[in-house]
Amino acid sequence: MIDDIGRLVGTESPSADLAAVARSAETVAGTAAPYLRTEPDLITLDGRTHLRWRLGSGPRRVLLLGHHDTVWPIGSLAGRPFTVEGGVLRGPGCFDMKAGLVMAFHAIAALGAEAVNGTTLLVTGDEELGSPSSRELIESEAAGCAVTLVLEASADGGALKTERKGVSLYEIRVDGRAAHAGLEPHRGVNAGVEAAHQILAVAALSDTDGGTTVTPTLLTAGTTTNTVPAHGRFSVDVRVRDAAEQARVDTALHGLRPVLDGATVEVTGGPNRPPLPRTASDALYRRARRLAEGLGLAPLTSAAVGGASDGNFTAGAGIPTLDGLGAVGGGAHAADEHVVVAELPRRTALLAALMSDLLAADPRTAHDSDAITTGGSTR
């Protein structure tokens, strides 16, 4: 497993570099070949390369979902090479989430071809960008399955991710009128000042007690130090626990109006990923806890997290979804990204057991205590 992870990490795959993502897809396919013993469908959408394995000829039952793109630019390996020291594996993208892909390959191989009949493994190449090209692919693959198991890395301490916030992304453009900042500033309409008014209004939409964060992020305005800014823009990152909050914030942002006479405000963007509510994962989490106990593993824990994944899409489509089944470690998107080596075989065994359990018995007719339910209906 370590060698396989090293091979994937060694093929850098920043999301925005289409050629790098295409090279990574070839590496993923080659690494998977000895374990899956079948070629994937290489699916290119808007120049981004995704991989899909439909294992066996039976009806689709279980969707394994992951991604092979990372946030790390080409050249990151030079400063943060792949290493394994003291039981800790390091390298850009190892935790988020190339180790999770390798775990899936080994879990499938351990179960054997007959046992995984009805499994789909989908590995996308643009998750870190918000899945602009792969969202429809993800939702269409999930629609034919009973459950989705997400190979994203675990939360702190190995906790499974049973709740994720929904994400909305916006850009707010402010236009004013340029003028000389020293000679006649009164003739200008200061887009920077207008942006400041709008930023305060946007930030006020947060609801800390309800778990809603509305965060202005990247900000630009103006052209030179002695010119009243004619244009400005800023980005907004929104995280919410439920769809009603997502709709509230969306309505408020698209309802922004200028404060200064002569200024204009234009809002683009909207919801990117729906929330992954606990109701979408509860039954699967109970199964996983029971199976972990049977394997003699440490008791599983769960966590609600602010970050989103492609599991938000499948949960939003009404498919029971369990996230965080990948590597145990930490430092996603950070210099200390790492994977705890000793947990790789344990978590792979859990993934295999969960797949086997779901594929062996029809989730639609399982015992009530183990039923896969969402939104009040049994799937």
Protein backbone atom coordinates (compact mmCIF):
# COMPACT_ATOMS: atom_id res chain seq x y z
CA MET A 1 0.00 0.00 0.00
CA ILE A 2 2.84 2.39 0.82
CA ASP A 3 4.42 1.81 -2.58
CA ASP A 4 1.10 2.43 -4.31
CA ILE A 5 0.51 5.65 -2.39
CA GLY A 6 4.02 6.78 -3.22
CA ARG A 7 3.35 6.22 -6.90
CA LEU A 8 0.18 8.33 -6.82
CA VAL A 9 1.75 11.09 -4.73
CA GLY A 10 4.72 11.11 -7.09
CA THR A 11 2.44 12.09 -9.96
CA GLU A 12 1.50 15.66 -9.07
CA SER A 13 -2.07 16.60 -9.98
CA PRO A 14 -3.08 20.20 -9.21
CA SER A 15 -6.72 20.62 -10.20
CA ALA A 16 -6.20 23.57 -12.53
CA ASP A 17 -3.47 21.87 -14.57
CA LEU A 18 -5.39 19.78 -17.10
CA ALA A 19 -2.31 18.00 -18.43
CA ALA A 20 -1.16 17.09 -14.93
CA VAL A 21 -4.61 15.74 -14.05
CA ALA A 22 -4.60 13.66 -17.25
CA ARG A 23 -1.17 12.22 -16.35
CA SER A 24 -2.42 11.48 -12.85
CA ALA A 25 -5.44 9.64 -14.25
CA GLU A 26 -3.10 7.35 -16.18
CA THR A 27 -1.10 6.70 -13.02
CA VAL A 28 -4.26 5.95 -11.05
CA ALA A 29 -5.43 3.53 -13.73
CA GLY A 30 -2.05 1.79 -13.85
CA THR A 31 -1.84 1.52 -10.08
CA ALA A 32 -5.34 0.07 -9.86
CA ALA A 33 -4.87 -2.45 -12.67
CA PRO A 34 -3.35 -5.34 -10.64
CA TYR A 35 -6.12 -5.07 -8.05
CA LEU A 36 -9.24 -4.31 -10.08
CA ARG A 37 -8.18 -6.39 -13.12
CA THR A 38 -10.24 -4.26 -15.46
CA GLU A 39 -9.66 -0.99 -17.28
CA PRO A 40 -11.56 2.10 -16.20
CA ASP A 41 -13.64 4.34 -18.36
CA LEU A 42 -11.55 7.51 -18.78
CA ILE A 43 -14.10 10.31 -18.94
CA THR A 44 -12.95 13.78 -20.02
CA LEU A 45 -15.33 16.64 -19.27
CA ASP A 46 -14.31 20.25 -19.92
CA GLY A 47 -10.76 18.99 -20.26
CA ARG A 48 -10.71 17.29 -16.84
CA THR A 49 -10.07 13.57 -16.60
CA HIS A 50 -12.20 11.30 -14.41
CA LEU A 51 -12.09 7.52 -13.97
CA ARG A 52 -14.96 5.08 -13.52
CA TRP A 53 -14.87 1.34 -12.88
CA ARG A 54 -18.18 -0.52 -12.98
CA LEU A 55 -17.30 -3.85 -11.39
CA GLY A 56 -19.34 -6.87 -12.40
CA SER A 57 -22.46 -6.99 -14.52
CA GLY A 58 -25.06 -6.89 -11.75
CA PRO A 59 -27.24 -3.93 -10.79
CA ARG A 60 -25.31 -1.03 -9.27
CA ARG A 61 -25.43 -1.24 -5.48
CA VAL A 62 -22.49 0.58 -3.86
CA LEU A 63 -20.74 3.70 -5.14
CA LEU A 64 -17.18 4.27 -3.92
CA LEU A 65 -16.36 7.94 -4.45
CA GLY A 66 -13.00 9.70 -4.47
CA HIS A 67 -10.82 12.18 -6.36
CA HIS A 68 -7.24 12.25 -7.62
CA ASP A 69 -6.69 16.00 -7.99
CA THR A 70 -4.98 17.98 -5.23
CA VAL A 71 -4.43 21.59 -4.16
CA TRP A 72 -0.64 21.29 -4.52
CA PRO A 73 1.03 23.05 -7.50
CA ILE A 74 3.58 21.35 -9.73
CA GLY A 75 6.95 21.39 -7.98
CA SER A 76 5.59 20.83 -4.47
CA LEU A 77 7.32 17.45 -4.32
CA ALA A 78 10.70 19.16 -4.48
CA GLY A 79 10.12 20.78 -1.10
CA ARG A 80 7.88 18.10 0.40
CA PRO A 81 8.99 14.75 -1.01
CA PHE A 82 7.21 11.48 -0.35
CA THR A 83 8.66 10.00 2.85
CA VAL A 84 7.84 7.33 5.42
CA GLU A 85 9.50 7.86 8.78
CA GLY A 86 8.50 6.82 12.28
CA GLY A 87 5.27 5.26 11.11
CA VAL A 88 4.13 8.45 9.38
CA LEU A 89 3.76 8.85 5.61
CA ARG A 90 4.12 12.34 4.13
CA GLY A 91 3.79 13.98 0.75
CA PRO A 92 1.51 16.44 -1.05
CA GLY A 93 -1.92 14.92 -1.52
CA CYS A 94 -1.23 11.77 0.51
CA PHE A 95 -3.97 12.46 3.08
CA ASP A 96 -6.33 14.37 0.77
CA MET A 97 -6.80 11.89 -0.71
CA LYS A 98 -4.56 9.56 -2.64
CA ALA A 99 -4.22 7.13 0.26
CA GLY A 100 -8.00 6.68 0.17
CA LEU A 101 -7.82 5.58 -3.47
CA VAL A 102 -5.20 2.96 -2.68
CA MET A 103 -7.33 1.71 0.22
CA ALA A 104 -10.21 1.21 -2.21
CA PHE A 105 -8.03 -0.77 -4.62
CA HIS A 106 -6.84 -3.09 -1.87
CA ALA A 107 -10.30 -3.50 -0.31
CA ILE A 108 -11.76 -4.52 -3.68
CA ALA A 109 -8.90 -6.96 -4.31
CA ALA A 110 -9.33 -8.50 -0.86
CA LEU A 111 -13.02 -9.17 -1.45
CA GLY A 112 -12.59 -10.61 -4.94
CA ALA A 113 -14.42 -10.01 -8.20
CA GLU A 114 -17.58 -11.95 -7.36
CA ALA A 115 -18.05 -10.25 -3.99
CA VAL A 116 -17.81 -6.73 -5.44
CA ASN A 117 -20.28 -7.32 -8.27
CA GLY A 118 -22.49 -4.24 -8.36
CA THR A 119 -19.81 -1.83 -7.10
CA THR A 120 -18.90 1.37 -8.94
CA LEU A 121 -15.65 3.17 -8.18
CA LEU A 122 -15.67 6.78 -9.38
CA VAL A 123 -12.50 8.89 -9.09
CA THR A 124 -12.92 12.49 -10.23
CA GLY A 125 -10.32 15.05 -11.24
CA ASP A 126 -11.77 18.40 -10.15
CA GLU A 127 -13.09 17.97 -6.60
CA GLU A 128 -10.79 20.63 -5.14
CA LEU A 129 -12.34 23.18 -7.52
CA GLY A 130 -15.89 22.35 -6.43
CA SER A 131 -16.43 19.62 -9.06
CA PRO A 132 -17.58 21.94 -11.87
CA SER A 133 -17.31 19.29 -14.58
CA SER A 134 -17.99 16.14 -12.56
CA ARG A 135 -21.08 17.02 -10.53
CA GLU A 136 -23.57 15.62 -13.03
CA LEU A 137 -21.43 12.50 -13.44
CA ILE A 138 -21.35 11.98 -9.67
CA GLU A 139 -25.09 12.45 -9.28
CA SER A 140 -25.92 10.17 -12.20
CA GLU A 141 -23.68 7.37 -10.90
CA ALA A 142 -25.09 7.72 -7.38
CA ALA A 143 -28.68 7.64 -8.65
CA GLY A 144 -28.23 4.03 -9.72
CA CYS A 145 -26.79 2.90 -6.37
CA ALA A 146 -28.25 2.21 -2.95
CA VAL A 147 -25.44 3.86 -0.95
CA THR A 148 -22.32 5.99 -1.38
CA LEU A 149 -19.09 5.42 0.55
CA VAL A 150 -16.74 8.39 0.33
CA LEU A 151 -12.99 7.77 0.42
CA GLU A 152 -12.10 11.22 1.76
CA ALA A 153 -9.72 11.24 4.71
CA SER A 154 -11.08 10.92 8.23
CA ALA A 155 -11.67 13.74 10.68
CA ASP A 156 -9.42 14.22 13.73
CA GLY A 157 -8.57 10.99 15.48
CA GLY A 158 -9.98 8.85 12.67
CA ALA A 159 -13.59 9.99 13.13
CA LEU A 160 -15.97 9.33 10.26
CA LYS A 161 -17.60 12.41 8.76
CA THR A 162 -21.30 12.02 9.38
CA GLU A 163 -22.28 15.63 8.72
CA ARG A 164 -20.86 18.22 6.33
CA LYS A 165 -21.92 21.79 5.79
CA GLY A 166 -23.24 22.90 2.46
CA VAL A 167 -21.15 25.39 0.49
CA SER A 168 -22.09 28.43 -1.56
CA LEU A 169 -19.56 30.55 -3.46
CA TYR A 170 -20.03 34.10 -4.72
CA GLU A 171 -18.20 36.96 -6.36
CA ILE A 172 -19.43 40.48 -5.72
CA ARG A 173 -18.37 43.16 -8.20
CA VAL A 174 -18.60 46.82 -7.27
CA ASP A 175 -18.35 49.61 -9.85
CA GLY A 176 -17.88 53.29 -9.14
CA ARG A 177 -16.18 56.14 -11.01
CA ALA A 178 -12.49 56.99 -11.17
CA ALA A 179 -11.11 60.42 -10.30
CA HIS A 180 -7.80 61.95 -9.20
CA ALA A 181 -7.42 61.20 -5.50
CA GLY A 182 -5.69 64.53 -4.81
CA LEU A 183 -7.19 67.02 -7.22
CA GLU A 184 -10.88 66.09 -7.29
CA PRO A 185 -11.75 63.02 -5.28
CA HIS A 186 -15.28 64.37 -4.90
CA ARG A 187 -15.87 63.69 -8.59
CA GLY A 188 -15.26 59.99 -8.09
CA VAL A 189 -17.40 57.20 -6.72
CA ASN A 190 -15.10 55.11 -4.58
CA ALA A 191 -15.57 51.42 -5.37
CA GLY A 192 -13.31 50.54 -2.44
CA VAL A 193 -15.56 52.33 0.02
CA GLU A 194 -18.63 50.75 -1.56
CA ALA A 195 -16.95 47.34 -1.26
CA ALA A 196 -16.34 48.04 2.43
CA HIS A 197 -20.04 48.72 2.96
CA GLN A 198 -20.94 45.52 1.14
CA ILE A 199 -18.39 43.44 3.05
CA LEU A 200 -19.91 44.54 6.36
CA ALA A 201 -23.39 43.70 5.11
CA VAL A 202 -22.24 40.29 3.88
CA ALA A 203 -20.43 39.39 7.10
CA ALA A 204 -23.53 40.28 9.10
CA LEU A 205 -25.40 37.40 7.43
CA SER A 206 -23.46 34.88 9.52
CA ASP A 207 -25.30 33.05 12.28
CA THR A 208 -22.73 31.67 14.68
CA ASP A 209 -25.25 29.89 16.89
CA GLY A 210 -26.84 28.21 13.89
CA GLY A 211 -23.51 27.21 12.37
CA THR A 212 -23.78 29.52 9.35
CA THR A 213 -20.59 31.29 8.29
CA VAL A 214 -20.57 33.96 5.59
CA THR A 215 -16.97 34.97 5.04
CA PRO A 216 -15.66 37.63 2.65
CA THR A 217 -12.33 36.36 1.34
CA LEU A 218 -10.30 37.53 -1.66
CA LEU A 219 -10.58 41.34 -2.14
CA THR A 220 -9.27 43.64 -4.89
CA ALA A 221 -9.97 47.29 -5.69
CA GLY A 222 -8.35 50.15 -7.56
CA THR A 223 -5.52 50.60 -10.02
CA THR A 224 -3.06 53.17 -8.63
CA THR A 225 -2.43 54.81 -5.27
CA ASN A 226 -3.56 58.24 -6.46
CA THR A 227 -6.80 57.23 -8.19
CA VAL A 228 -10.26 56.85 -6.70
CA PRO A 229 -11.04 53.15 -7.39
CA ALA A 230 -13.54 52.68 -10.19
CA HIS A 231 -13.85 48.93 -9.74
CA GLY A 232 -13.56 46.37 -6.97
CA ARG A 233 -14.56 42.81 -6.27
CA PHE A 234 -14.50 40.32 -3.46
CA SER A 235 -15.29 36.65 -3.01
CA VAL A 236 -17.59 35.16 -0.40
CA ASP A 237 -17.45 31.68 1.12
CA VAL A 238 -20.69 30.46 2.74
CA ARG A 239 -21.04 27.32 4.90
CA VAL A 240 -24.43 26.17 6.19
CA ARG A 241 -25.92 23.19 8.00
CA ASP A 242 -29.23 23.02 6.18
CA ALA A 243 -30.85 23.90 2.89
CA ALA A 244 -33.11 26.58 4.42
CA GLU A 245 -30.06 28.54 5.58
CA GLN A 246 -28.43 28.13 2.21
CA ALA A 247 -31.53 29.62 0.58
CA ARG A 248 -31.73 32.48 3.13
CA VAL A 249 -28.18 33.58 2.53
CA ASP A 250 -28.50 33.22 -1.24
CA THR A 251 -31.57 35.45 -1.30
CA ALA A 252 -29.88 38.04 0.90
CA LEU A 253 -26.70 38.16 -1.17
CA HIS A 254 -28.53 38.51 -4.46
CA GLY A 255 -30.57 41.28 -2.83
CA LEU A 256 -27.56 43.49 -2.02
CA ARG A 257 -27.96 47.12 -3.12
CA PRO A 258 -25.34 49.91 -3.38
CA VAL A 259 -24.90 52.41 -0.54
CA LEU A 260 -23.08 55.21 -2.41
CA ASP A 261 -24.83 57.32 -5.05
CA GLY A 262 -23.56 56.31 -8.45
CA ALA A 263 -22.20 52.92 -7.41
CA THR A 264 -23.44 49.59 -8.72
CA VAL A 265 -23.27 46.10 -7.22
CA GLU A 266 -23.39 42.84 -9.18
CA VAL A 267 -23.58 39.44 -7.45
CA THR A 268 -22.72 36.20 -9.23
CA GLY A 269 -22.53 32.65 -7.91
CA GLY A 270 -24.70 30.59 -5.62
CA PRO A 271 -24.93 27.20 -3.90
CA ASN A 272 -22.11 24.87 -4.89
CA ARG A 273 -22.78 21.84 -2.67
CA PRO A 274 -25.87 21.03 -0.60
CA PRO A 275 -25.41 20.05 3.05
CA LEU A 276 -24.70 16.44 3.99
CA PRO A 277 -27.07 16.03 6.95
CA ARG A 278 -26.59 13.49 9.70
CA THR A 279 -29.79 11.74 8.62
CA ALA A 280 -28.03 10.72 5.39
CA SER A 281 -25.25 8.92 7.26
CA ASP A 282 -26.70 7.67 10.56
CA ALA A 283 -27.67 4.15 9.48
CA LEU A 284 -24.41 3.59 7.60
CA TYR A 285 -22.45 4.89 10.57
CA ARG A 286 -24.18 2.40 12.87
CA ARG A 287 -23.26 -0.39 10.48
CA ALA A 288 -19.65 0.74 10.40
CA ARG A 289 -19.46 0.89 14.19
CA ARG A 290 -20.83 -2.63 14.48
CA LEU A 291 -18.40 -3.95 11.88
CA ALA A 292 -15.42 -2.18 13.47
CA GLU A 293 -16.26 -3.82 16.76
CA GLY A 294 -16.42 -7.21 15.05
CA LEU A 295 -13.00 -6.62 13.53
CA GLY A 296 -11.54 -5.78 16.94
CA LEU A 297 -10.84 -2.17 15.96
CA ALA A 298 -10.99 0.76 18.32
CA PRO A 299 -14.53 2.15 18.69
CA LEU A 300 -15.44 4.45 15.81
CA THR A 301 -16.31 8.07 16.43
CA SER A 302 -18.08 10.61 14.24
CA ALA A 303 -17.66 14.29 13.50
CA ALA A 304 -19.52 17.16 11.88
CA VAL A 305 -17.16 19.22 9.72
CA GLY A 306 -17.29 22.52 7.87
CA GLY A 307 -15.51 21.29 4.77
CA ALA A 308 -17.49 19.82 1.89
CA SER A 309 -16.85 16.88 -0.42
CA ASP A 310 -18.49 15.18 -3.37
CA GLY A 311 -20.48 13.23 -0.78
CA ASN A 312 -22.55 16.39 -0.35
CA PHE A 313 -23.86 15.88 -3.87
CA THR A 314 -24.89 12.27 -3.32
CA ALA A 315 -26.53 13.05 0.03
CA GLY A 316 -28.30 16.00 -1.56
CA ALA A 317 -29.66 13.62 -4.19
CA GLY A 318 -31.18 11.47 -1.43
CA ILE A 319 -28.56 8.69 -1.46
CA PRO A 320 -27.42 7.45 1.98
CA THR A 321 -23.80 8.56 2.24
CA LEU A 322 -20.96 7.88 4.69
CA ASP A 323 -17.84 10.05 4.43
CA GLY A 324 -14.35 10.02 5.92
CA LEU A 325 -13.64 6.34 5.24
CA GLY A 326 -10.17 7.09 3.90
CA ALA A 327 -6.83 7.60 5.62
CA VAL A 328 -6.24 8.54 9.24
CA GLY A 329 -3.81 11.41 9.68
CA GLY A 330 -4.06 15.15 9.27
CA GLY A 331 -2.79 18.34 7.69
CA ALA A 332 -5.02 18.43 4.62
CA HIS A 333 -3.93 21.31 2.34
CA ALA A 334 -1.13 22.14 4.80
CA ALA A 335 2.62 21.67 5.08
CA ASP A 336 2.21 18.92 7.69
CA GLU A 337 -0.07 16.71 5.57
CA HIS A 338 0.46 13.13 6.71
CA VAL A 339 -1.00 9.63 7.02
CA VAL A 340 -0.63 7.26 9.98
CA VAL A 341 0.75 4.09 8.41
CA ALA A 342 -0.51 1.66 11.08
CA GLU A 343 -4.09 2.69 10.36
CA LEU A 344 -3.95 1.89 6.64
CA PRO A 345 -4.63 -1.88 6.94
CA ARG A 346 -7.18 -1.36 9.72
CA ARG A 347 -9.23 1.18 7.82
CA THR A 348 -8.93 -0.83 4.62
CA ALA A 349 -10.29 -3.86 6.46
CA LEU A 350 -13.20 -1.74 7.71
CA LEU A 351 -13.92 -0.47 4.20
CA ALA A 352 -13.89 -4.01 2.83
CA ALA A 353 -16.16 -5.25 5.63
CA LEU A 354 -18.63 -2.43 5.05
CA MET A 355 -18.71 -3.07 1.30
CA SER A 356 -19.18 -6.80 1.86
CA ASP A 357 -21.94 -6.25 4.39
CA LEU A 358 -23.85 -3.90 2.08
CA LEU A 359 -23.42 -6.06 -1.02
CA ALA A 360 -24.35 -9.31 0.73
CA ALA A 361 -27.77 -8.13 1.93
CA ASP A 362 -30.20 -5.91 0.06
CA PRO A 363 -30.21 -2.56 1.92
CA ARG A 364 -33.85 -2.13 0.95
CA THR A 365 -34.92 -5.15 2.99
CA ALA A 366 -32.36 -5.03 5.80
CA HIS A 367 -33.41 -5.28 9.46
CA ASP A 368 -34.79 -1.99 10.75
CA SER A 369 -31.83 -1.35 13.02
CA ASP A 370 -29.48 -1.53 10.03
CA ALA A 371 -31.75 -0.11 7.36
CA ILE A 372 -30.33 2.52 5.09
CA THR A 373 -32.74 5.40 5.47
CA THR A 374 -32.84 9.01 4.45
CA GLY A 375 -35.61 11.56 4.49
CA GLY A 376 -37.99 9.13 6.17
CA SER A 377 -37.82 6.48 3.42
CA THR A 378 -35.91 3.23 3.24
CA ARG A 379 -33.60 2.65 0.31
